[in-house]
Amino acid sequence: MLEEIIARLVYNRKRYLYAFLAFVLALLLVTVGVANTVFIVVITTIGYYLGSPGLDKKFTKIKDILTEESKEEKSKRGNK
């Protein structure tokens, strides 16, 4: 019986996730209003994308490029 429940949860996980998200969104709309709810959703979305591993790799690559350029500039200044 427990295996069947777990199997149903796994099979329908998106359905349950979206139902939960809709419930949270409805609670936010009722308690804080439309403008504040939109603000919360936008900030949450930005946080989600900033926390993604792909973006972290891009930041690391940019940081590496900038540190290489600063090392080259320092070495050029030292030679003069």
PDB file of N, CA and C in Angstrom:
ATOM      1  N   MET A   1       0.819  -1.179   0.000  1.00  0.00           N
ATOM      2  CA  MET A   1       0.000   0.000   0.000  1.00  0.00           C
ATOM      3  C   MET A   1       0.877   1.264   0.000  1.00  0.00           C
ATOM      4  N   LEU A   2       1.912   1.289   0.818  1.00  0.00           N
ATOM      5  CA  LEU A   2       2.810   2.433   0.857  1.00  0.00           C
ATOM      6  C   LEU A   2       3.534   2.587  -0.475  1.00  0.00           C
ATOM      7  N   GLU A   3       3.891   1.477  -1.090  1.00  0.00           N
ATOM      8  CA  GLU A   3       4.563   1.525  -2.380  1.00  0.00           C
ATOM      9  C   GLU A   3       3.663   2.143  -3.439  1.00  0.00           C
ATOM     10  N   GLU A   4       2.375   1.838  -3.398  1.00  0.00           N
ATOM     11  CA  GLU A   4       1.424   2.412  -4.354  1.00  0.00           C
ATOM     12  C   GLU A   4       1.306   3.925  -4.168  1.00  0.00           C
ATOM     13  N   ILE A   5       1.270   4.364  -2.917  1.00  0.00           N
ATOM     14  CA  ILE A   5       1.162   5.798  -2.634  1.00  0.00           C
ATOM     15  C   ILE A   5       2.402   6.521  -3.134  1.00  0.00           C
ATOM     16  N   ILE A   6       3.564   5.953  -2.861  1.00  0.00           N
ATOM     17  CA  ILE A   6       4.818   6.561  -3.310  1.00  0.00           C
ATOM     18  C   ILE A   6       4.886   6.581  -4.829  1.00  0.00           C
ATOM     19  N   ALA A   7       4.448   5.506  -5.462  1.00  0.00           N
ATOM     20  CA  ALA A   7       4.452   5.447  -6.922  1.00  0.00           C
ATOM     21  C   ALA A   7       3.524   6.512  -7.507  1.00  0.00           C
ATOM     22  N   ARG A   8       2.361   6.716  -6.912  1.00  0.00           N
ATOM     23  CA  ARG A   8       1.436   7.750  -7.388  1.00  0.00           C
ATOM     24  C   ARG A   8       2.026   9.143  -7.192  1.00  0.00           C
ATOM     25  N   LEU A   9       2.690   9.365  -6.048  1.00  0.00           N
ATOM     26  CA  LEU A   9       3.315  10.658  -5.806  1.00  0.00           C
ATOM     27  C   LEU A   9       4.407  10.956  -6.832  1.00  0.00           C
ATOM     28  N   VAL A  10       5.216   9.948  -7.115  1.00  0.00           N
ATOM     29  CA  VAL A  10       6.301  10.137  -8.073  1.00  0.00           C
ATOM     30  C   VAL A  10       5.735  10.347  -9.475  1.00  0.00           C
ATOM     31  N   TYR A  11       4.732   9.575  -9.831  1.00  0.00           N
ATOM     32  CA  TYR A  11       4.156   9.672 -11.171  1.00  0.00           C
ATOM     33  C   TYR A  11       3.469  11.017 -11.384  1.00  0.00           C
ATOM     34  N   ASN A  12       2.816  11.536 -10.366  1.00  0.00           N
ATOM     35  CA  ASN A  12       2.059  12.785 -10.476  1.00  0.00           C
ATOM     36  C   ASN A  12       2.747  13.951  -9.774  1.00  0.00           C
ATOM     37  N   ARG A  13       4.061  13.935  -9.659  1.00  0.00           N
ATOM     38  CA  ARG A  13       4.768  14.950  -8.882  1.00  0.00           C
ATOM     39  C   ARG A  13       4.564  16.350  -9.439  1.00  0.00           C
ATOM     40  N   LYS A  14       4.501  16.507 -10.758  1.00  0.00           N
ATOM     41  CA  LYS A  14       4.286  17.834 -11.331  1.00  0.00           C
ATOM     42  C   LYS A  14       2.897  18.360 -10.977  1.00  0.00           C
ATOM     43  N   ARG A  15       1.925  17.472 -10.999  1.00  0.00           N
ATOM     44  CA  ARG A  15       0.565  17.873 -10.669  1.00  0.00           C
ATOM     45  C   ARG A  15       0.490  18.382  -9.233  1.00  0.00           C
ATOM     46  N   TYR A  16       1.130  17.680  -8.319  1.00  0.00           N
ATOM     47  CA  TYR A  16       1.126  18.097  -6.913  1.00  0.00           C
ATOM     48  C   TYR A  16       1.936  19.383  -6.710  1.00  0.00           C
ATOM     49  N   LEU A  17       3.043  19.493  -7.406  1.00  0.00           N
ATOM     50  CA  LEU A  17       3.869  20.690  -7.294  1.00  0.00           C
ATOM     51  C   LEU A  17       3.106  21.926  -7.758  1.00  0.00           C
ATOM     52  N   TYR A  18       2.475  21.830  -8.916  1.00  0.00           N
ATOM     53  CA  TYR A  18       1.724  22.974  -9.429  1.00  0.00           C
ATOM     54  C   TYR A  18       0.503  23.295  -8.572  1.00  0.00           C
ATOM     55  N   ALA A  19      -0.117  22.291  -8.020  1.00  0.00           N
ATOM     56  CA  ALA A  19      -1.239  22.538  -7.112  1.00  0.00           C
ATOM     57  C   ALA A  19      -0.758  23.288  -5.872  1.00  0.00           C
ATOM     58  N   PHE A  20       0.388  22.885  -5.342  1.00  0.00           N
ATOM     59  CA  PHE A  20       0.954  23.571  -4.173  1.00  0.00           C
ATOM     60  C   PHE A  20       1.329  25.012  -4.509  1.00  0.00           C
ATOM     61  N   LEU A  21       1.956  25.215  -5.663  1.00  0.00           N
ATOM     62  CA  LEU A  21       2.335  26.565  -6.074  1.00  0.00           C
ATOM     63  C   LEU A  21       1.103  27.450  -6.284  1.00  0.00           C
ATOM     64  N   ALA A  22       0.061  26.903  -6.863  1.00  0.00           N
ATOM     65  CA  ALA A  22      -1.176  27.665  -7.050  1.00  0.00           C
ATOM     66  C   ALA A  22      -1.798  28.030  -5.707  1.00  0.00           C
ATOM     67  N   PHE A  23      -1.727  27.118  -4.757  1.00  0.00           N
ATOM     68  CA  PHE A  23      -2.250  27.395  -3.417  1.00  0.00           C
ATOM     69  C   PHE A  23      -1.467  28.527  -2.755  1.00  0.00           C
ATOM     70  N   VAL A  24      -0.159  28.486  -2.844  1.00  0.00           N
ATOM     71  CA  VAL A  24       0.680  29.534  -2.260  1.00  0.00           C
ATOM     72  C   VAL A  24       0.404  30.866  -2.950  1.00  0.00           C
ATOM     73  N   LEU A  25       0.277  30.845  -4.271  1.00  0.00           N
ATOM     74  CA  LEU A  25      -0.022  32.066  -5.004  1.00  0.00           C
ATOM     75  C   LEU A  25      -1.372  32.641  -4.597  1.00  0.00           C
ATOM     76  N   ALA A  26      -2.357  31.795  -4.436  1.00  0.00           N
ATOM     77  CA  ALA A  26      -3.680  32.259  -4.002  1.00  0.00           C
ATOM     78  C   ALA A  26      -3.618  32.863  -2.604  1.00  0.00           C
ATOM     79  N   LEU A  27      -2.870  32.234  -1.706  1.00  0.00           N
ATOM     80  CA  LEU A  27      -2.716  32.795  -0.363  1.00  0.00           C
ATOM     81  C   LEU A  27      -2.044  34.157  -0.396  1.00  0.00           C
ATOM     82  N   LEU A  28      -1.021  34.292  -1.219  1.00  0.00           N
ATOM     83  CA  LEU A  28      -0.342  35.580  -1.341  1.00  0.00           C
ATOM     84  C   LEU A  28      -1.273  36.651  -1.894  1.00  0.00           C
ATOM     85  N   LEU A  29      -2.044  36.296  -2.906  1.00  0.00           N
ATOM     86  CA  LEU A  29      -2.966  37.266  -3.484  1.00  0.00           C
ATOM     87  C   LEU A  29      -3.997  37.738  -2.468  1.00  0.00           C
ATOM     88  N   VAL A  30      -4.488  36.833  -1.659  1.00  0.00           N
ATOM     89  CA  VAL A  30      -5.516  37.180  -0.678  1.00  0.00           C
ATOM     90  C   VAL A  30      -4.921  37.990   0.469  1.00  0.00           C
ATOM     91  N   THR A  31      -3.731  37.628   0.924  1.00  0.00           N
ATOM     92  CA  THR A  31      -3.191  38.270   2.120  1.00  0.00           C
ATOM     93  C   THR A  31      -2.470  39.585   1.840  1.00  0.00           C
ATOM     94  N   VAL A  32      -1.666  39.667   0.778  1.00  0.00           N
ATOM     95  CA  VAL A  32      -0.852  40.869   0.576  1.00  0.00           C
ATOM     96  C   VAL A  32      -1.266  41.697  -0.626  1.00  0.00           C
ATOM     97  N   GLY A  33      -2.111  41.210  -1.492  1.00  0.00           N
ATOM     98  CA  GLY A  33      -2.572  41.970  -2.645  1.00  0.00           C
ATOM     99  C   GLY A  33      -1.816  41.626  -3.916  1.00  0.00           C
ATOM    100  N   VAL A  34      -2.304  42.180  -5.011  1.00  0.00           N
ATOM    101  CA  VAL A  34      -1.769  41.832  -6.333  1.00  0.00           C
ATOM    102  C   VAL A  34      -0.358  42.399  -6.540  1.00  0.00           C
ATOM    103  N   ALA A  35      -0.164  43.679  -6.240  1.00  0.00           N
ATOM    104  CA  ALA A  35       1.133  44.313  -6.509  1.00  0.00           C
ATOM    105  C   ALA A  35       2.246  43.659  -5.695  1.00  0.00           C
ATOM    106  N   ASN A  36       1.996  43.425  -4.434  1.00  0.00           N
ATOM    107  CA  ASN A  36       3.022  42.788  -3.600  1.00  0.00           C
ATOM    108  C   ASN A  36       3.279  41.347  -4.028  1.00  0.00           C
ATOM    109  N   THR A  37       2.241  40.655  -4.459  1.00  0.00           N
ATOM    110  CA  THR A  37       2.420  39.276  -4.927  1.00  0.00           C
ATOM    111  C   THR A  37       3.267  39.243  -6.187  1.00  0.00           C
ATOM    112  N   VAL A  38       3.009  40.161  -7.116  1.00  0.00           N
ATOM    113  CA  VAL A  38       3.815  40.223  -8.342  1.00  0.00           C
ATOM    114  C   VAL A  38       5.273  40.523  -7.991  1.00  0.00           C
ATOM    115  N   PHE A  39       5.497  41.429  -7.059  1.00  0.00           N
ATOM    116  CA  PHE A  39       6.855  41.747  -6.618  1.00  0.00           C
ATOM    117  C   PHE A  39       7.541  40.514  -6.030  1.00  0.00           C
ATOM    118  N   ILE A  40       6.841  39.782  -5.184  1.00  0.00           N
ATOM    119  CA  ILE A  40       7.411  38.575  -4.566  1.00  0.00           C
ATOM    120  C   ILE A  40       7.751  37.538  -5.627  1.00  0.00           C
ATOM    121  N   VAL A  41       6.867  37.355  -6.604  1.00  0.00           N
ATOM    122  CA  VAL A  41       7.112  36.373  -7.665  1.00  0.00           C
ATOM    123  C   VAL A  41       8.306  36.792  -8.519  1.00  0.00           C
ATOM    124  N   VAL A  42       8.418  38.072  -8.836  1.00  0.00           N
ATOM    125  CA  VAL A  42       9.544  38.552  -9.650  1.00  0.00           C
ATOM    126  C   VAL A  42      10.861  38.374  -8.908  1.00  0.00           C
ATOM    127  N   ILE A  43      10.916  38.750  -7.645  1.00  0.00           N
ATOM    128  CA  ILE A  43      12.144  38.610  -6.868  1.00  0.00           C
ATOM    129  C   ILE A  43      12.513  37.136  -6.691  1.00  0.00           C
ATOM    130  N   THR A  44      11.515  36.290  -6.490  1.00  0.00           N
ATOM    131  CA  THR A  44      11.774  34.848  -6.364  1.00  0.00           C
ATOM    132  C   THR A  44      12.331  34.289  -7.665  1.00  0.00           C
ATOM    133  N   THR A  45      11.793  34.716  -8.794  1.00  0.00           N
ATOM    134  CA  THR A  45      12.274  34.251 -10.094  1.00  0.00           C
ATOM    135  C   THR A  45      13.712  34.698 -10.329  1.00  0.00           C
ATOM    136  N   ILE A  46      14.012  35.934  -9.988  1.00  0.00           N
ATOM    137  CA  ILE A  46      15.389  36.429 -10.126  1.00  0.00           C
ATOM    138  C   ILE A  46      16.334  35.616  -9.241  1.00  0.00           C
ATOM    139  N   GLY A  47      15.924  35.342  -8.024  1.00  0.00           N
ATOM    140  CA  GLY A  47      16.742  34.524  -7.128  1.00  0.00           C
ATOM    141  C   GLY A  47      16.957  33.122  -7.650  1.00  0.00           C
ATOM    142  N   TYR A  48      15.912  32.567  -8.260  1.00  0.00           N
ATOM    143  CA  TYR A  48      16.021  31.226  -8.838  1.00  0.00           C
ATOM    144  C   TYR A  48      17.079  31.206  -9.942  1.00  0.00           C
ATOM    145  N   TYR A  49      17.040  32.198 -10.828  1.00  0.00           N
ATOM    146  CA  TYR A  49      18.004  32.233 -11.920  1.00  0.00           C
ATOM    147  C   TYR A  49      19.412  32.576 -11.440  1.00  0.00           C
ATOM    148  N   LEU A  50      19.531  33.409 -10.423  1.00  0.00           N
ATOM    149  CA  LEU A  50      20.856  33.714  -9.892  1.00  0.00           C
ATOM    150  C   LEU A  50      21.475  32.513  -9.183  1.00  0.00           C
ATOM    151  N   GLY A  51      20.657  31.634  -8.666  1.00  0.00           N
ATOM    152  CA  GLY A  51      21.156  30.459  -7.967  1.00  0.00           C
ATOM    153  C   GLY A  51      21.399  29.260  -8.853  1.00  0.00           C
ATOM    154  N   SER A  52      21.138  29.381 -10.146  1.00  0.00           N
ATOM    155  CA  SER A  52      21.295  28.234 -11.035  1.00  0.00           C
ATOM    156  C   SER A  52      22.772  27.932 -11.271  1.00  0.00           C
ATOM    157  N   PRO A  53      23.110  26.671 -11.435  1.00  0.00           N
ATOM    158  CA  PRO A  53      24.526  26.297 -11.642  1.00  0.00           C
ATOM    159  C   PRO A  53      25.110  26.878 -12.929  1.00  0.00           C
ATOM    160  N   GLY A  54      24.298  27.021 -13.964  1.00  0.00           N
ATOM    161  CA  GLY A  54      24.794  27.574 -15.224  1.00  0.00           C
ATOM    162  C   GLY A  54      25.266  28.997 -15.070  1.00  0.00           C
ATOM    163  N   LEU A  55      24.541  29.770 -14.303  1.00  0.00           N
ATOM    164  CA  LEU A  55      24.923  31.159 -14.081  1.00  0.00           C
ATOM    165  C   LEU A  55      26.182  31.248 -13.237  1.00  0.00           C
ATOM    166  N   ASP A  56      26.330  30.329 -12.295  1.00  0.00           N
ATOM    167  CA  ASP A  56      27.531  30.292 -11.467  1.00  0.00           C
ATOM    168  C   ASP A  56      28.759  30.020 -12.331  1.00  0.00           C
ATOM    169  N   LYS A  57      28.616  29.143 -13.303  1.00  0.00           N
ATOM    170  CA  LYS A  57      29.729  28.853 -14.208  1.00  0.00           C
ATOM    171  C   LYS A  57      30.072  30.082 -15.041  1.00  0.00           C
ATOM    172  N   LYS A  58      29.050  30.825 -15.466  1.00  0.00           N
ATOM    173  CA  LYS A  58      29.304  32.034 -16.256  1.00  0.00           C
ATOM    174  C   LYS A  58      30.026  33.079 -15.419  1.00  0.00           C
ATOM    175  N   PHE A  59      29.601  33.251 -14.154  1.00  0.00           N
ATOM    176  CA  PHE A  59      30.273  34.208 -13.274  1.00  0.00           C
ATOM    177  C   PHE A  59      31.725  33.806 -13.048  1.00  0.00           C
ATOM    178  N   THR A  60      31.967  32.526 -12.880  1.00  0.00           N
ATOM    179  CA  THR A  60      33.331  32.042 -12.681  1.00  0.00           C
ATOM    180  C   THR A  60      34.181  32.305 -13.921  1.00  0.00           C
ATOM    181  N   LYS A  61      33.600  32.082 -15.090  1.00  0.00           N
ATOM    182  CA  LYS A  61      34.335  32.314 -16.338  1.00  0.00           C
ATOM    183  C   LYS A  61      34.657  33.802 -16.501  1.00  0.00           C
ATOM    184  N   ILE A  62      33.678  34.664 -16.202  1.00  0.00           N
ATOM    185  CA  ILE A  62      33.910  36.111 -16.283  1.00  0.00           C
ATOM    186  C   ILE A  62      34.989  36.531 -15.294  1.00  0.00           C
ATOM    187  N   LYS A  63      34.927  35.991 -14.077  1.00  0.00           N
ATOM    188  CA  LYS A  63      35.920  36.315 -13.053  1.00  0.00           C
ATOM    189  C   LYS A  63      37.311  35.891 -13.504  1.00  0.00           C
ATOM    190  N   ASP A  64      37.425  34.698 -14.095  1.00  0.00           N
ATOM    191  CA  ASP A  64      38.722  34.224 -14.576  1.00  0.00           C
ATOM    192  C   ASP A  64      39.264  35.124 -15.683  1.00  0.00           C
ATOM    193  N   ILE A  65      38.391  35.543 -16.592  1.00  0.00           N
ATOM    194  CA  ILE A  65      38.822  36.421 -17.679  1.00  0.00           C
ATOM    195  C   ILE A  65      39.306  37.755 -17.121  1.00  0.00           C
ATOM    196  N   LEU A  66      38.558  38.301 -16.180  1.00  0.00           N
ATOM    197  CA  LEU A  66      38.941  39.597 -15.611  1.00  0.00           C
ATOM    198  C   LEU A  66      40.234  39.507 -14.816  1.00  0.00           C
ATOM    199  N   THR A  67      40.445  38.416 -14.092  1.00  0.00           N
ATOM    200  CA  THR A  67      41.689  38.291 -13.329  1.00  0.00           C
ATOM    201  C   THR A  67      42.877  38.107 -14.259  1.00  0.00           C
ATOM    202  N   GLU A  68      42.685  37.405 -15.381  1.00  0.00           N
ATOM    203  CA  GLU A  68      43.772  37.258 -16.346  1.00  0.00           C
ATOM    204  C   GLU A  68      44.143  38.610 -16.941  1.00  0.00           C
ATOM    205  N   GLU A  69      43.119  39.431 -17.281  1.00  0.00           N
ATOM    206  CA  GLU A  69      43.387  40.738 -17.861  1.00  0.00           C
ATOM    207  C   GLU A  69      44.080  41.650 -16.861  1.00  0.00           C
ATOM    208  N   SER A  70      43.676  41.582 -15.605  1.00  0.00           N
ATOM    209  CA  SER A  70      44.322  42.441 -14.609  1.00  0.00           C
ATOM    210  C   SER A  70      45.764  42.002 -14.366  1.00  0.00           C
ATOM    211  N   LYS A  71      46.049  40.711 -14.441  1.00  0.00           N
ATOM    212  CA  LYS A  71      47.427  40.240 -14.290  1.00  0.00           C
ATOM    213  C   LYS A  71      48.285  40.717 -15.454  1.00  0.00           C
ATOM    214  N   GLU A  72      47.711  40.702 -16.672  1.00  0.00           N
ATOM    215  CA  GLU A  72      48.455  41.166 -17.837  1.00  0.00           C
ATOM    216  C   GLU A  72      48.752  42.663 -17.735  1.00  0.00           C
ATOM    217  N   GLU A  73      47.773  43.436 -17.269  1.00  0.00           N
ATOM    218  CA  GLU A  73      47.987  44.878 -17.116  1.00  0.00           C
ATOM    219  C   GLU A  73      49.050  45.167 -16.079  1.00  0.00           C
ATOM    220  N   LYS A  74      49.046  44.429 -14.975  1.00  0.00           N
ATOM    221  CA  LYS A  74      50.055  44.633 -13.926  1.00  0.00           C
ATOM    222  C   LYS A  74      51.443  44.294 -14.449  1.00  0.00           C
ATOM    223  N   SER A  75      51.529  43.230 -15.245  1.00  0.00           N
ATOM    224  CA  SER A  75      52.855  42.851 -15.767  1.00  0.00           C
ATOM    225  C   SER A  75      53.349  43.880 -16.782  1.00  0.00           C
ATOM    226  N   LYS A  76      52.436  44.482 -17.561  1.00  0.00           N
ATOM    227  CA  LYS A  76      52.839  45.513 -18.512  1.00  0.00           C
ATOM    228  C   LYS A  76      53.334  46.761 -17.773  1.00  0.00           C
ATOM    229  N   ARG A  77      52.667  47.103 -16.682  1.00  0.00           N
ATOM    230  CA  ARG A  77      53.081  48.271 -15.888  1.00  0.00           C
ATOM    231  C   ARG A  77      54.442  48.027 -15.221  1.00  0.00           C
ATOM    232  N   GLY A  78      54.684  46.793 -14.838  1.00  0.00           N
ATOM    233  CA  GLY A  78      55.946  46.460 -14.188  1.00  0.00           C
ATOM    234  C   GLY A  78      57.125  46.517 -15.147  1.00  0.00           C
ATOM    235  N   ASN A  79      56.889  46.268 -16.433  1.00  0.00           N
ATOM    236  CA  ASN A  79      57.953  46.280 -17.439  1.00  0.00           C
ATOM    237  C   ASN A  79      58.352  47.685 -17.841  1.00  0.00           C
ATOM    238  N   LYS A  80      57.497  48.663 -17.606  1.00  0.00           N
ATOM    239  CA  LYS A  80      57.797  50.042 -18.056  1.00  0.00           C
ATOM    240  C   LYS A  80      58.695  50.750 -17.130  1.00  0.00           C
TER     241      LYS A  80
END
